[in-house]
Amino acid sequence: MIRRLVLSLITLVFCQLAVAAETLESGGQYQLASGDVVRIQVYGEPDLSFDEIRLNDAGTFTYPFVGQINAKGKTPNQIEDLIANKLKDGYLRDPKVTVAVVTYREFYISGEVQKPGGYPYQPGLTLQRAIALAGGLTERASTKRVTIMRGSGETRQGDKATLDTAILPGDTITIEQGFF
């Protein structure tokens, strides 16, 4: 009995560490940007609930009674609070708003891969999986000459970019030619 309890606690600790590591790798909670699709639900208000709202090129969208909302760089929780506060201002007493990402913006991969282009982001995506989605490497590809340009403007090159490097929505990956 005690052994099971100890094993359960150890498993719980490792699960929490894994979630914390993933959160740290992605820079904290997900920040919305152009191309993301969100679901907005207001409890008990079907006219204010939407299954899919795509953020435009400026990272904004229009919402009833609120108008234009700038979601770029904000988390889904921040958008929930923003909409709830605006709806409280003369429309609803205590709105319960939830915002969830339905479709993440694409990441892009170019250079020495079989099928360069934009691909849908999937949570937990690594460089290795991104290369696989692009059909694999060409015979001239270098696994050491890889550049990842983050949507935030940060760049990872060569020795910093390994096959286990996390890929984030909006990233641009370039696989260069090897010399041999």
N, C-alpha and C. Protein backbone atom coordinates (compact mmCIF):
# COMPACT_ATOMS: atom_id res chain seq x y z
N MET A 1 0.82 -1.19 0.00
CA MET A 1 0.00 0.00 0.00
C MET A 1 0.87 1.26 0.00
N ILE A 2 1.86 1.30 0.89
CA ILE A 2 2.75 2.46 0.97
C ILE A 2 3.57 2.57 -0.31
N ARG A 3 3.97 1.41 -0.82
CA ARG A 3 4.76 1.41 -2.06
C ARG A 3 3.98 2.05 -3.21
N ARG A 4 2.69 1.70 -3.32
CA ARG A 4 1.85 2.29 -4.36
C ARG A 4 1.71 3.80 -4.18
N LEU A 5 1.57 4.22 -2.95
CA LEU A 5 1.45 5.64 -2.66
C LEU A 5 2.72 6.38 -3.06
N VAL A 6 3.88 5.82 -2.71
CA VAL A 6 5.15 6.44 -3.06
C VAL A 6 5.32 6.49 -4.58
N LEU A 7 5.01 5.40 -5.27
CA LEU A 7 5.10 5.38 -6.73
C LEU A 7 4.16 6.40 -7.37
N SER A 8 2.97 6.52 -6.82
CA SER A 8 2.01 7.50 -7.34
C SER A 8 2.54 8.92 -7.16
N LEU A 9 3.12 9.20 -6.00
CA LEU A 9 3.67 10.53 -5.74
C LEU A 9 4.84 10.84 -6.67
N ILE A 10 5.71 9.86 -6.88
CA ILE A 10 6.85 10.05 -7.78
C ILE A 10 6.35 10.32 -9.20
N THR A 11 5.37 9.56 -9.65
CA THR A 11 4.80 9.76 -10.98
C THR A 11 4.20 11.16 -11.11
N LEU A 12 3.49 11.58 -10.08
CA LEU A 12 2.89 12.91 -10.09
C LEU A 12 3.95 14.01 -10.19
N VAL A 13 5.03 13.86 -9.46
CA VAL A 13 6.11 14.85 -9.49
C VAL A 13 6.73 14.92 -10.88
N PHE A 14 7.00 13.78 -11.50
CA PHE A 14 7.58 13.77 -12.84
C PHE A 14 6.63 14.38 -13.87
N CYS A 15 5.34 14.13 -13.74
CA CYS A 15 4.37 14.73 -14.66
C CYS A 15 4.36 16.25 -14.53
N GLN A 16 4.42 16.74 -13.29
CA GLN A 16 4.45 18.19 -13.07
C GLN A 16 5.73 18.80 -13.63
N LEU A 17 6.85 18.10 -13.47
CA LEU A 17 8.11 18.60 -14.01
C LEU A 17 8.07 18.67 -15.53
N ALA A 18 7.46 17.67 -16.16
CA ALA A 18 7.35 17.66 -17.62
C ALA A 18 6.51 18.82 -18.11
N VAL A 19 5.39 19.08 -17.44
CA VAL A 19 4.53 20.20 -17.82
C VAL A 19 5.27 21.52 -17.62
N ALA A 20 5.98 21.64 -16.50
CA ALA A 20 6.74 22.87 -16.23
C ALA A 20 7.82 23.08 -17.27
N ALA A 21 8.51 22.02 -17.67
CA ALA A 21 9.56 22.13 -18.68
C ALA A 21 8.98 22.58 -20.02
N GLU A 22 7.83 22.03 -20.39
CA GLU A 22 7.19 22.41 -21.66
C GLU A 22 6.77 23.87 -21.61
N THR A 23 6.23 24.31 -20.47
CA THR A 23 5.82 25.70 -20.33
C THR A 23 7.02 26.63 -20.42
N LEU A 24 8.13 26.26 -19.78
CA LEU A 24 9.33 27.09 -19.84
C LEU A 24 9.89 27.14 -21.25
N GLU A 25 9.88 26.01 -21.95
CA GLU A 25 10.42 25.96 -23.31
C GLU A 25 9.63 26.87 -24.24
N SER A 26 8.33 26.93 -24.04
CA SER A 26 7.50 27.76 -24.92
C SER A 26 7.40 29.19 -24.43
N GLY A 27 8.14 29.54 -23.38
CA GLY A 27 8.17 30.92 -22.92
C GLY A 27 6.95 31.30 -22.11
N GLY A 28 6.33 30.36 -21.44
CA GLY A 28 5.16 30.67 -20.64
C GLY A 28 3.89 30.32 -21.38
N GLN A 29 2.78 30.97 -21.00
CA GLN A 29 1.51 30.67 -21.63
C GLN A 29 1.49 31.17 -23.08
N TYR A 30 0.78 30.47 -23.92
CA TYR A 30 0.74 30.75 -25.35
C TYR A 30 0.23 32.16 -25.63
N GLN A 31 0.94 32.87 -26.49
CA GLN A 31 0.54 34.22 -26.89
C GLN A 31 -0.04 34.18 -28.30
N LEU A 32 -1.19 34.78 -28.46
CA LEU A 32 -1.89 34.78 -29.73
C LEU A 32 -1.22 35.71 -30.74
N ALA A 33 -1.42 35.39 -32.02
CA ALA A 33 -0.89 36.23 -33.09
C ALA A 33 -1.69 35.97 -34.36
N SER A 34 -1.36 36.69 -35.41
CA SER A 34 -2.02 36.58 -36.70
C SER A 34 -2.07 35.13 -37.17
N GLY A 35 -3.25 34.69 -37.64
CA GLY A 35 -3.39 33.33 -38.16
C GLY A 35 -3.95 32.34 -37.17
N ASP A 36 -3.92 32.64 -35.87
CA ASP A 36 -4.51 31.75 -34.88
C ASP A 36 -6.03 31.77 -35.02
N VAL A 37 -6.66 30.64 -34.71
CA VAL A 37 -8.12 30.55 -34.70
C VAL A 37 -8.53 30.21 -33.27
N VAL A 38 -9.45 31.01 -32.71
CA VAL A 38 -9.88 30.81 -31.33
C VAL A 38 -11.37 30.51 -31.27
N ARG A 39 -11.76 29.83 -30.18
CA ARG A 39 -13.17 29.59 -29.86
C ARG A 39 -13.49 30.46 -28.65
N ILE A 40 -14.56 31.23 -28.76
CA ILE A 40 -14.98 32.07 -27.64
C ILE A 40 -16.38 31.63 -27.23
N GLN A 41 -16.52 31.31 -25.95
CA GLN A 41 -17.82 30.90 -25.43
C GLN A 41 -18.18 31.77 -24.23
N VAL A 42 -19.42 32.23 -24.23
CA VAL A 42 -19.96 32.97 -23.10
C VAL A 42 -21.10 32.12 -22.56
N TYR A 43 -20.95 31.64 -21.34
CA TYR A 43 -21.91 30.72 -20.74
C TYR A 43 -23.32 31.33 -20.75
N GLY A 44 -24.27 30.57 -21.31
CA GLY A 44 -25.66 31.00 -21.35
C GLY A 44 -25.97 32.04 -22.40
N GLU A 45 -25.03 32.36 -23.26
CA GLU A 45 -25.22 33.39 -24.29
C GLU A 45 -24.76 32.85 -25.65
N PRO A 46 -25.59 32.03 -26.31
CA PRO A 46 -25.18 31.44 -27.59
C PRO A 46 -24.92 32.49 -28.68
N ASP A 47 -25.58 33.65 -28.60
CA ASP A 47 -25.35 34.69 -29.61
C ASP A 47 -23.98 35.35 -29.47
N LEU A 48 -23.35 35.17 -28.32
CA LEU A 48 -22.02 35.75 -28.09
C LEU A 48 -20.93 34.69 -28.11
N SER A 49 -21.31 33.45 -28.46
CA SER A 49 -20.35 32.34 -28.51
C SER A 49 -20.05 32.00 -29.97
N PHE A 50 -18.77 31.78 -30.26
CA PHE A 50 -18.33 31.50 -31.63
C PHE A 50 -17.36 30.33 -31.63
N ASP A 51 -17.58 29.38 -32.54
CA ASP A 51 -16.70 28.21 -32.62
C ASP A 51 -15.35 28.54 -33.23
N GLU A 52 -15.32 29.46 -34.19
CA GLU A 52 -14.05 29.79 -34.85
C GLU A 52 -13.99 31.27 -35.20
N ILE A 53 -13.00 31.94 -34.64
CA ILE A 53 -12.70 33.32 -35.02
C ILE A 53 -11.22 33.36 -35.37
N ARG A 54 -10.92 33.74 -36.62
CA ARG A 54 -9.53 33.81 -37.07
C ARG A 54 -9.00 35.22 -36.83
N LEU A 55 -7.82 35.30 -36.22
CA LEU A 55 -7.18 36.59 -36.02
C LEU A 55 -6.64 37.06 -37.37
N ASN A 56 -6.90 38.31 -37.72
CA ASN A 56 -6.46 38.84 -39.01
C ASN A 56 -4.96 39.12 -39.00
N ASP A 57 -4.46 39.69 -40.10
CA ASP A 57 -3.02 39.93 -40.24
C ASP A 57 -2.45 40.83 -39.15
N ALA A 58 -3.28 41.69 -38.59
CA ALA A 58 -2.83 42.58 -37.51
C ALA A 58 -2.97 41.94 -36.13
N GLY A 59 -3.52 40.71 -36.09
CA GLY A 59 -3.71 40.03 -34.80
C GLY A 59 -4.94 40.50 -34.06
N THR A 60 -5.93 41.02 -34.80
CA THR A 60 -7.16 41.52 -34.18
C THR A 60 -8.37 40.76 -34.71
N PHE A 61 -9.51 40.95 -34.03
CA PHE A 61 -10.79 40.43 -34.49
C PHE A 61 -11.90 41.33 -33.94
N THR A 62 -13.08 41.24 -34.54
CA THR A 62 -14.22 42.04 -34.11
C THR A 62 -15.17 41.15 -33.31
N TYR A 63 -15.65 41.69 -32.19
CA TYR A 63 -16.54 40.94 -31.31
C TYR A 63 -17.78 41.79 -31.01
N PRO A 64 -18.98 41.17 -31.00
CA PRO A 64 -20.22 41.93 -30.77
C PRO A 64 -20.19 42.71 -29.45
N PHE A 65 -20.71 43.92 -29.48
CA PHE A 65 -20.82 44.83 -28.33
C PHE A 65 -19.47 45.36 -27.85
N VAL A 66 -18.40 44.77 -28.31
CA VAL A 66 -17.06 45.16 -27.84
C VAL A 66 -16.32 45.90 -28.94
N GLY A 67 -16.47 45.45 -30.17
CA GLY A 67 -15.77 46.05 -31.29
C GLY A 67 -14.46 45.33 -31.58
N GLN A 68 -13.48 46.09 -32.03
CA GLN A 68 -12.18 45.53 -32.42
C GLN A 68 -11.38 45.16 -31.17
N ILE A 69 -10.85 43.94 -31.14
CA ILE A 69 -10.02 43.47 -30.03
C ILE A 69 -8.63 43.15 -30.57
N ASN A 70 -7.62 43.75 -29.97
CA ASN A 70 -6.24 43.46 -30.35
C ASN A 70 -5.75 42.29 -29.50
N ALA A 71 -5.64 41.11 -30.11
CA ALA A 71 -5.24 39.91 -29.38
C ALA A 71 -3.75 39.60 -29.52
N LYS A 72 -3.06 40.30 -30.41
CA LYS A 72 -1.65 40.01 -30.68
C LYS A 72 -0.82 40.17 -29.41
N GLY A 73 -0.10 39.10 -29.06
CA GLY A 73 0.78 39.12 -27.90
C GLY A 73 0.08 38.87 -26.58
N LYS A 74 -1.24 38.68 -26.62
CA LYS A 74 -2.00 38.41 -25.40
C LYS A 74 -2.29 36.92 -25.28
N THR A 75 -2.48 36.46 -24.06
CA THR A 75 -2.82 35.06 -23.83
C THR A 75 -4.34 34.89 -23.93
N PRO A 76 -4.81 33.65 -24.14
CA PRO A 76 -6.26 33.42 -24.13
C PRO A 76 -6.91 33.90 -22.83
N ASN A 77 -6.24 33.71 -21.69
CA ASN A 77 -6.80 34.18 -20.41
C ASN A 77 -6.96 35.69 -20.39
N GLN A 78 -6.01 36.41 -20.95
CA GLN A 78 -6.11 37.87 -21.00
C GLN A 78 -7.28 38.31 -21.89
N ILE A 79 -7.52 37.59 -22.98
CA ILE A 79 -8.65 37.91 -23.85
C ILE A 79 -9.97 37.60 -23.14
N GLU A 80 -10.01 36.50 -22.38
CA GLU A 80 -11.20 36.18 -21.58
C GLU A 80 -11.54 37.35 -20.66
N ASP A 81 -10.54 37.83 -19.92
CA ASP A 81 -10.75 38.93 -18.98
C ASP A 81 -11.20 40.20 -19.70
N LEU A 82 -10.57 40.49 -20.83
CA LEU A 82 -10.90 41.69 -21.59
C LEU A 82 -12.35 41.67 -22.06
N ILE A 83 -12.77 40.55 -22.65
CA ILE A 83 -14.15 40.43 -23.14
C ILE A 83 -15.14 40.47 -21.98
N ALA A 84 -14.84 39.76 -20.89
CA ALA A 84 -15.73 39.74 -19.73
C ALA A 84 -15.91 41.15 -19.16
N ASN A 85 -14.83 41.89 -19.04
CA ASN A 85 -14.92 43.25 -18.50
C ASN A 85 -15.72 44.17 -19.41
N LYS A 86 -15.54 44.04 -20.72
CA LYS A 86 -16.30 44.87 -21.66
C LYS A 86 -17.79 44.51 -21.63
N LEU A 87 -18.10 43.20 -21.52
CA LEU A 87 -19.50 42.78 -21.47
C LEU A 87 -20.17 43.18 -20.15
N LYS A 88 -19.41 43.26 -19.07
CA LYS A 88 -19.94 43.72 -17.78
C LYS A 88 -20.34 45.18 -17.84
N ASP A 89 -19.72 45.90 -18.73
CA ASP A 89 -19.93 47.35 -18.84
C ASP A 89 -21.24 47.65 -19.59
N GLY A 90 -22.37 47.23 -19.00
CA GLY A 90 -23.67 47.58 -19.54
C GLY A 90 -24.40 46.50 -20.31
N TYR A 91 -23.81 45.31 -20.47
CA TYR A 91 -24.48 44.27 -21.26
C TYR A 91 -24.88 43.05 -20.43
N LEU A 92 -23.97 42.49 -19.68
CA LEU A 92 -24.24 41.30 -18.87
C LEU A 92 -23.77 41.54 -17.43
N ARG A 93 -24.41 40.86 -16.49
CA ARG A 93 -24.04 41.04 -15.08
C ARG A 93 -22.70 40.41 -14.73
N ASP A 94 -22.61 39.12 -14.93
CA ASP A 94 -21.38 38.39 -14.57
C ASP A 94 -21.06 37.38 -15.66
N PRO A 95 -20.56 37.85 -16.81
CA PRO A 95 -20.31 36.92 -17.91
C PRO A 95 -19.17 35.94 -17.61
N LYS A 96 -19.41 34.69 -17.95
CA LYS A 96 -18.39 33.64 -17.84
C LYS A 96 -17.87 33.38 -19.25
N VAL A 97 -16.66 33.86 -19.51
CA VAL A 97 -16.09 33.80 -20.85
C VAL A 97 -14.92 32.82 -20.87
N THR A 98 -14.88 31.97 -21.89
CA THR A 98 -13.72 31.11 -22.10
C THR A 98 -13.21 31.32 -23.52
N VAL A 99 -11.90 31.35 -23.64
CA VAL A 99 -11.24 31.49 -24.94
C VAL A 99 -10.24 30.34 -25.07
N ALA A 100 -10.34 29.60 -26.15
CA ALA A 100 -9.42 28.48 -26.38
C ALA A 100 -8.89 28.54 -27.81
N VAL A 101 -7.65 28.15 -27.99
CA VAL A 101 -7.06 28.09 -29.33
C VAL A 101 -7.57 26.83 -30.01
N VAL A 102 -8.19 27.01 -31.17
CA VAL A 102 -8.71 25.88 -31.95
C VAL A 102 -7.64 25.41 -32.94
N THR A 103 -7.03 26.38 -33.64
CA THR A 103 -5.99 26.08 -34.62
C THR A 103 -4.85 27.08 -34.42
N TYR A 104 -3.66 26.55 -34.22
CA TYR A 104 -2.48 27.40 -34.06
C TYR A 104 -2.01 27.87 -35.43
N ARG A 105 -1.32 29.01 -35.45
CA ARG A 105 -0.76 29.49 -36.71
C ARG A 105 0.31 28.51 -37.19
N GLU A 106 0.62 28.57 -38.46
CA GLU A 106 1.56 27.62 -39.07
C GLU A 106 3.00 27.91 -38.67
N PHE A 107 3.83 26.90 -38.82
CA PHE A 107 5.28 27.10 -38.81
C PHE A 107 5.73 26.85 -40.25
N TYR A 108 6.90 27.34 -40.59
CA TYR A 108 7.39 27.23 -41.97
C TYR A 108 8.75 26.55 -41.98
N ILE A 109 8.96 25.72 -43.00
CA ILE A 109 10.25 25.03 -43.13
C ILE A 109 10.69 25.14 -44.59
N SER A 110 11.96 25.52 -44.78
CA SER A 110 12.48 25.70 -46.14
C SER A 110 13.89 25.14 -46.22
N GLY A 111 14.42 25.13 -47.43
CA GLY A 111 15.77 24.63 -47.63
C GLY A 111 15.77 23.18 -48.04
N GLU A 112 16.68 22.43 -47.47
CA GLU A 112 16.93 21.05 -47.90
C GLU A 112 15.99 20.03 -47.25
N VAL A 113 14.68 20.21 -47.52
CA VAL A 113 13.67 19.22 -47.13
C VAL A 113 12.90 18.85 -48.39
N GLN A 114 12.25 17.70 -48.36
CA GLN A 114 11.54 17.20 -49.55
C GLN A 114 10.37 18.11 -49.95
N LYS A 115 9.59 18.59 -48.95
CA LYS A 115 8.41 19.40 -49.25
C LYS A 115 8.41 20.67 -48.40
N PRO A 116 9.18 21.69 -48.81
CA PRO A 116 9.19 22.93 -48.04
C PRO A 116 7.82 23.61 -48.08
N GLY A 117 7.54 24.39 -47.03
CA GLY A 117 6.27 25.12 -47.01
C GLY A 117 5.78 25.34 -45.59
N GLY A 118 4.53 25.77 -45.48
CA GLY A 118 3.90 25.99 -44.18
C GLY A 118 3.13 24.76 -43.74
N TYR A 119 3.21 24.45 -42.46
CA TYR A 119 2.54 23.28 -41.90
C TYR A 119 1.82 23.67 -40.62
N PRO A 120 0.69 23.01 -40.32
CA PRO A 120 -0.02 23.33 -39.09
C PRO A 120 0.79 22.93 -37.86
N TYR A 121 0.85 23.83 -36.90
CA TYR A 121 1.55 23.56 -35.64
C TYR A 121 0.76 22.53 -34.83
N GLN A 122 1.50 21.69 -34.12
CA GLN A 122 0.92 20.72 -33.20
C GLN A 122 1.65 20.86 -31.87
N PRO A 123 0.92 20.97 -30.75
CA PRO A 123 1.60 21.08 -29.46
C PRO A 123 2.60 19.95 -29.26
N GLY A 124 3.77 20.28 -28.74
CA GLY A 124 4.82 19.29 -28.51
C GLY A 124 5.70 19.05 -29.73
N LEU A 125 5.55 19.86 -30.76
CA LEU A 125 6.31 19.68 -32.00
C LEU A 125 7.80 19.94 -31.78
N THR A 126 8.63 19.05 -32.31
CA THR A 126 10.09 19.21 -32.25
C THR A 126 10.62 19.40 -33.67
N LEU A 127 11.89 19.77 -33.77
CA LEU A 127 12.52 19.94 -35.07
C LEU A 127 12.47 18.62 -35.86
N GLN A 128 12.71 17.52 -35.19
CA GLN A 128 12.68 16.21 -35.86
C GLN A 128 11.30 15.93 -36.47
N ARG A 129 10.24 16.20 -35.71
CA ARG A 129 8.88 15.97 -36.23
C ARG A 129 8.54 16.95 -37.35
N ALA A 130 9.04 18.19 -37.25
CA ALA A 130 8.80 19.18 -38.30
C ALA A 130 9.44 18.73 -39.61
N ILE A 131 10.65 18.20 -39.52
CA ILE A 131 11.34 17.69 -40.72
C ILE A 131 10.56 16.51 -41.31
N ALA A 132 10.04 15.65 -40.45
CA ALA A 132 9.25 14.51 -40.92
C ALA A 132 7.98 14.99 -41.63
N LEU A 133 7.32 16.01 -41.08
CA LEU A 133 6.13 16.56 -41.74
C LEU A 133 6.46 17.10 -43.13
N ALA A 134 7.67 17.61 -43.29
CA ALA A 134 8.11 18.17 -44.58
C ALA A 134 8.69 17.09 -45.49
N GLY A 135 8.45 15.84 -45.20
CA GLY A 135 8.87 14.75 -46.08
C GLY A 135 10.28 14.26 -45.85
N GLY A 136 10.96 14.78 -44.84
CA GLY A 136 12.33 14.35 -44.55
C GLY A 136 13.35 15.25 -45.23
N LEU A 137 14.60 14.98 -44.92
CA LEU A 137 15.71 15.76 -45.47
C LEU A 137 16.08 15.27 -46.86
N THR A 138 16.65 16.15 -47.66
CA THR A 138 17.22 15.74 -48.94
C THR A 138 18.59 15.12 -48.67
N GLU A 139 19.18 14.52 -49.68
CA GLU A 139 20.49 13.89 -49.48
C GLU A 139 21.59 14.92 -49.26
N ARG A 140 21.35 16.17 -49.62
CA ARG A 140 22.36 17.22 -49.45
C ARG A 140 22.20 18.02 -48.16
N ALA A 141 21.23 17.67 -47.35
CA ALA A 141 20.92 18.46 -46.14
C ALA A 141 21.98 18.29 -45.06
N SER A 142 22.16 19.35 -44.30
CA SER A 142 23.06 19.33 -43.14
C SER A 142 22.23 19.44 -41.87
N THR A 143 22.43 18.50 -40.96
CA THR A 143 21.71 18.59 -39.68
C THR A 143 22.40 19.55 -38.73
N LYS A 144 23.59 20.01 -39.10
CA LYS A 144 24.33 20.96 -38.26
C LYS A 144 24.12 22.41 -38.69
N ARG A 145 23.63 22.60 -39.89
CA ARG A 145 23.41 23.96 -40.40
C ARG A 145 21.91 24.23 -40.48
N VAL A 146 21.32 24.42 -39.31
CA VAL A 146 19.89 24.63 -39.17
C VAL A 146 19.67 25.98 -38.48
N THR A 147 18.77 26.77 -39.01
CA THR A 147 18.41 28.04 -38.39
C THR A 147 16.92 28.03 -38.07
N ILE A 148 16.59 28.42 -36.85
CA ILE A 148 15.19 28.56 -36.46
C ILE A 148 14.97 30.02 -36.10
N MET A 149 14.15 30.69 -36.88
CA MET A 149 13.79 32.08 -36.59
C MET A 149 12.45 32.04 -35.86
N ARG A 150 12.48 32.43 -34.60
CA ARG A 150 11.26 32.43 -33.79
C ARG A 150 10.33 33.55 -34.23
N GLY A 151 9.05 33.33 -34.02
CA GLY A 151 8.09 34.38 -34.30
C GLY A 151 8.38 35.62 -33.48
N SER A 152 9.04 35.45 -32.34
CA SER A 152 9.38 36.57 -31.45
C SER A 152 10.61 37.33 -31.94
N GLY A 153 11.29 36.80 -32.97
CA GLY A 153 12.48 37.46 -33.49
C GLY A 153 13.77 36.81 -33.05
N GLU A 154 13.71 35.91 -32.06
CA GLU A 154 14.90 35.19 -31.58
C GLU A 154 15.35 34.21 -32.66
N THR A 155 16.65 34.00 -32.77
CA THR A 155 17.19 33.06 -33.75
C THR A 155 18.03 32.01 -33.05
N ARG A 156 17.84 30.75 -33.46
CA ARG A 156 18.69 29.65 -32.97
C ARG A 156 19.40 29.08 -34.17
N GLN A 157 20.72 28.91 -34.05
CA GLN A 157 21.48 28.37 -35.17
C GLN A 157 22.29 27.16 -34.73
N GLY A 158 22.60 26.34 -35.73
CA GLY A 158 23.52 25.21 -35.61
C GLY A 158 23.55 24.48 -34.30
N ASP A 159 24.54 24.81 -33.46
CA ASP A 159 24.75 24.05 -32.24
C ASP A 159 23.62 24.23 -31.23
N LYS A 160 22.85 25.30 -31.33
CA LYS A 160 21.74 25.52 -30.40
C LYS A 160 20.47 24.81 -30.86
N ALA A 161 20.39 24.49 -32.14
CA ALA A 161 19.21 23.82 -32.68
C ALA A 161 19.51 22.34 -32.85
N THR A 162 18.91 21.53 -32.00
CA THR A 162 19.06 20.08 -32.11
C THR A 162 17.74 19.49 -32.59
N LEU A 163 17.74 18.20 -32.89
CA LEU A 163 16.51 17.55 -33.34
C LEU A 163 15.42 17.56 -32.28
N ASP A 164 15.81 17.74 -31.01
CA ASP A 164 14.84 17.80 -29.92
C ASP A 164 14.37 19.22 -29.61
N THR A 165 14.87 20.21 -30.34
CA THR A 165 14.47 21.60 -30.09
C THR A 165 12.97 21.77 -30.35
N ALA A 166 12.29 22.43 -29.43
CA ALA A 166 10.85 22.67 -29.58
C ALA A 166 10.61 23.69 -30.69
N ILE A 167 9.62 23.40 -31.51
CA ILE A 167 9.19 24.32 -32.56
C ILE A 167 7.89 24.95 -32.09
N LEU A 168 7.77 26.26 -32.31
CA LEU A 168 6.62 27.01 -31.85
C LEU A 168 5.83 27.56 -33.04
N PRO A 169 4.56 27.89 -32.85
CA PRO A 169 3.79 28.47 -33.94
C PRO A 169 4.46 29.74 -34.46
N GLY A 170 4.48 29.89 -35.77
CA GLY A 170 5.08 31.06 -36.38
C GLY A 170 6.57 30.95 -36.63
N ASP A 171 7.21 29.87 -36.17
CA ASP A 171 8.65 29.69 -36.40
C ASP A 171 8.93 29.47 -37.89
N THR A 172 10.12 29.90 -38.31
CA THR A 172 10.60 29.63 -39.66
C THR A 172 11.90 28.85 -39.54
N ILE A 173 11.92 27.65 -40.11
CA ILE A 173 13.07 26.75 -40.03
C ILE A 173 13.74 26.72 -41.39
N THR A 174 15.06 26.88 -41.40
CA THR A 174 15.82 26.78 -42.65
C THR A 174 16.87 25.69 -42.48
N ILE A 175 16.83 24.68 -43.35
CA ILE A 175 17.82 23.60 -43.37
C ILE A 175 18.75 23.88 -44.54
N GLU A 176 20.03 24.09 -44.24
CA GLU A 176 20.99 24.42 -45.29
C GLU A 176 21.66 23.17 -45.84
N GLN A 177 22.38 23.35 -46.96
CA GLN A 177 23.14 22.25 -47.57
C GLN A 177 24.37 21.95 -46.74
N GLY A 178 24.72 20.65 -46.74
CA GLY A 178 25.99 20.25 -46.15
C GLY A 178 27.06 20.30 -47.23
N PHE A 179 28.30 20.28 -46.83
CA PHE A 179 29.38 20.33 -47.82
C PHE A 179 29.65 18.96 -48.42
N PHE A 180 29.30 17.90 -47.69
CA PHE A 180 29.57 16.55 -48.19
C PHE A 180 28.34 15.73 -48.13
